[in-house]
Amino acid sequence: MIGRDARSRAVRWYWSGALVVVACVWIGWQALTRWQTSVAAHDAELAQGRQLYEAAVPIRARLAGHHLDLPPAATRCANCHATAIQIGQAGFAPALTATLLTESHPRRGGPASRYDVAAFCRAVRDGLDPNSVIIDEVMPRYDMSREQCSALWVFLTQEY
């Protein structure tokens, strides 16, 4: 009898251990799959942001106070702004880097401001910075979806 109980306990421990290993492998596989999906989605959003910045995907935009759309060649962010990978290139508008956008900086002698995705989208669409200071009228006002604006934000705020 005693031998049978010991053997029975050993079998239970064996199968319990096997189930724990299987559960851990399954949980790890699920986590890896979710992580890969997340990375793929981020990479797709990053690629879309780059296309928007370079105007590979045309975006409707107008100058403040005008009712006619600008031609696609005039709506390229890259025409006026540099990104972190382009620093040193001439541009008459501020460089759009993660540091400039996400850290607090004074604008034109006004209060310091920093952007988050919502403030950035407001600036791109309506021409108002985080402190509701009007952005120069030469900056086009873009007709972007929330997804497009978010993708552009992801591209501009990535770290190199």
Protein backbone atom coordinates (compact mmCIF):
# COMPACT_ATOMS: atom_id res chain seq x y z
CA MET A 1 0.00 0.00 0.00
CA ILE A 2 2.71 2.45 0.94
CA GLY A 3 4.54 1.86 -2.33
CA ARG A 4 1.37 2.48 -4.28
CA ASP A 5 0.71 5.86 -2.57
CA ALA A 6 4.27 7.00 -3.20
CA ARG A 7 4.03 5.99 -6.84
CA SER A 8 0.64 7.72 -7.14
CA ARG A 9 2.04 10.91 -5.62
CA ALA A 10 5.04 10.78 -7.95
CA VAL A 11 2.75 10.44 -10.97
CA ARG A 12 0.62 13.36 -9.78
CA TRP A 13 3.75 15.49 -9.25
CA TYR A 14 5.04 14.52 -12.68
CA TRP A 15 1.81 15.48 -14.44
CA SER A 16 1.41 18.65 -12.34
CA GLY A 17 4.92 19.68 -13.32
CA ALA A 18 4.24 18.87 -16.97
CA LEU A 19 1.06 20.96 -16.91
CA VAL A 20 2.94 23.88 -15.34
CA VAL A 21 5.60 23.69 -18.07
CA VAL A 22 2.94 23.54 -20.80
CA ALA A 23 1.08 26.49 -19.24
CA CYS A 24 4.30 28.53 -19.04
CA VAL A 25 5.17 27.76 -22.67
CA TRP A 26 1.63 28.70 -23.77
CA ILE A 27 1.69 31.98 -21.80
CA GLY A 28 5.13 32.81 -23.20
CA TRP A 29 3.94 32.06 -26.74
CA GLN A 30 0.91 34.32 -26.27
CA ALA A 31 3.07 37.13 -24.90
CA LEU A 32 5.53 36.79 -27.79
CA THR A 33 2.71 36.81 -30.33
CA ARG A 34 1.17 39.94 -28.78
CA TRP A 35 4.56 41.64 -28.68
CA GLN A 36 5.22 40.79 -32.35
CA THR A 37 1.77 42.12 -33.28
CA SER A 38 2.47 45.30 -31.30
CA VAL A 39 5.86 45.78 -32.99
CA ALA A 40 4.34 45.21 -36.42
CA ALA A 41 1.58 47.75 -35.71
CA HIS A 42 4.14 50.29 -34.47
CA ASP A 43 6.30 49.72 -37.55
CA ALA A 44 3.27 50.20 -39.82
CA GLU A 45 2.33 53.40 -37.97
CA LEU A 46 5.93 54.62 -38.21
CA ALA A 47 6.00 53.94 -41.97
CA GLN A 48 2.68 55.76 -42.42
CA GLY A 49 4.04 58.73 -40.45
CA ARG A 50 7.13 58.88 -42.67
CA GLN A 51 4.94 58.79 -45.78
CA LEU A 52 2.82 61.64 -44.43
CA TYR A 53 5.92 63.70 -43.50
CA GLU A 54 7.39 63.21 -46.97
CA ALA A 55 3.97 63.63 -48.67
CA ALA A 56 4.22 60.21 -50.30
CA VAL A 57 0.59 60.09 -49.23
CA PRO A 58 -1.08 63.40 -50.20
CA ILE A 59 -2.84 65.30 -47.43
CA ARG A 60 -5.41 68.02 -47.99
CA ALA A 61 -4.21 71.30 -46.54
CA ARG A 62 -4.97 75.00 -46.82
CA LEU A 63 -3.34 78.16 -45.65
CA ALA A 64 -5.14 79.90 -42.79
CA GLY A 65 -7.95 82.05 -44.10
CA HIS A 66 -7.89 80.56 -47.62
CA HIS A 67 -10.51 78.27 -49.10
CA LEU A 68 -8.45 76.58 -51.83
CA ASP A 69 -6.46 73.41 -51.17
CA LEU A 70 -2.71 73.61 -51.62
CA PRO A 71 -1.07 71.40 -54.25
CA PRO A 72 0.38 68.21 -52.73
CA ALA A 73 3.97 69.35 -53.35
CA ALA A 74 3.33 72.36 -51.08
CA THR A 75 2.01 70.28 -48.18
CA ARG A 76 5.20 68.32 -47.49
CA CYS A 77 6.30 68.79 -43.88
CA ALA A 78 9.85 68.18 -45.13
CA ASN A 79 9.68 71.36 -47.23
CA CYS A 80 10.01 73.50 -44.12
CA HIS A 81 10.84 71.27 -41.15
CA ALA A 82 13.78 68.97 -40.51
CA THR A 83 13.51 65.82 -38.41
CA ALA A 84 16.07 64.39 -35.99
CA ILE A 85 17.72 62.48 -38.85
CA GLN A 86 17.93 65.61 -41.01
CA ILE A 87 19.37 68.08 -38.48
CA GLY A 88 21.75 70.42 -40.23
CA GLN A 89 19.52 70.83 -43.26
CA ALA A 90 18.30 74.33 -43.89
CA GLY A 91 14.69 75.02 -43.00
CA PHE A 92 12.83 78.12 -41.97
CA ALA A 93 10.53 76.33 -39.55
CA PRO A 94 11.58 74.59 -36.31
CA ALA A 95 13.08 71.12 -36.55
CA LEU A 96 10.51 68.52 -35.57
CA THR A 97 12.45 66.40 -33.11
CA ALA A 98 11.29 64.38 -30.12
CA THR A 99 13.12 66.82 -27.83
CA LEU A 100 11.55 69.93 -29.34
CA LEU A 101 8.06 68.45 -29.34
CA THR A 102 7.92 66.62 -26.01
CA GLU A 103 10.01 68.81 -23.71
CA SER A 104 8.88 72.19 -22.42
CA HIS A 105 10.17 75.13 -24.53
CA PRO A 106 9.15 78.82 -24.67
CA ARG A 107 7.75 80.01 -28.01
CA ARG A 108 8.25 83.56 -29.26
CA GLY A 109 8.76 84.91 -25.76
CA GLY A 110 5.52 83.33 -24.54
CA PRO A 111 4.99 80.71 -21.89
CA ALA A 112 6.78 77.40 -22.19
CA SER A 113 4.82 74.64 -23.83
CA ARG A 114 5.25 71.01 -24.71
CA TYR A 115 3.31 68.85 -27.09
CA ASP A 116 1.54 65.56 -26.61
CA VAL A 117 -0.27 63.81 -29.44
CA ALA A 118 -3.53 65.73 -28.86
CA ALA A 119 -1.78 69.13 -28.76
CA PHE A 120 0.26 68.20 -31.83
CA CYS A 121 -2.87 67.25 -33.77
CA ARG A 122 -4.52 70.51 -32.73
CA ALA A 123 -1.50 72.44 -34.03
CA VAL A 124 -1.48 70.54 -37.32
CA ARG A 125 -5.23 70.87 -37.90
CA ASP A 126 -6.11 74.22 -36.32
CA GLY A 127 -2.81 76.08 -36.09
CA LEU A 128 -2.84 76.47 -32.29
CA ASP A 129 0.07 75.46 -30.06
CA PRO A 130 -0.47 73.88 -26.61
CA ASN A 131 -0.88 77.36 -25.06
CA SER A 132 -3.39 78.39 -27.74
CA VAL A 133 -0.83 80.66 -29.41
CA ILE A 134 -1.57 80.89 -33.14
CA ILE A 135 1.07 79.25 -35.29
CA ASP A 136 2.34 81.35 -38.20
CA GLU A 137 -0.12 81.54 -41.11
CA VAL A 138 2.43 80.10 -43.56
CA MET A 139 2.01 76.78 -41.77
CA PRO A 140 -0.71 74.89 -43.66
CA ARG A 141 -3.72 73.64 -41.73
CA TYR A 142 -4.03 69.95 -42.52
CA ASP A 143 -7.16 67.88 -42.94
CA MET A 144 -5.86 64.76 -41.17
CA SER A 145 -7.64 61.88 -39.51
CA ARG A 146 -6.80 61.01 -35.92
CA GLU A 147 -4.92 57.92 -37.15
CA GLN A 148 -2.86 59.92 -39.66
CA CYS A 149 -1.99 62.55 -37.08
CA SER A 150 -1.03 59.88 -34.56
CA ALA A 151 1.18 58.16 -37.15
CA LEU A 152 2.92 61.46 -37.95
CA TRP A 153 3.46 62.02 -34.21
CA VAL A 154 4.98 58.54 -33.82
CA PHE A 155 7.36 59.20 -36.73
CA LEU A 156 8.45 62.60 -35.44
CA THR A 157 8.92 61.57 -31.81
CA GLN A 158 10.86 58.37 -32.40
CA GLU A 159 14.34 58.28 -30.94
CA TYR A 160 17.26 57.66 -33.31
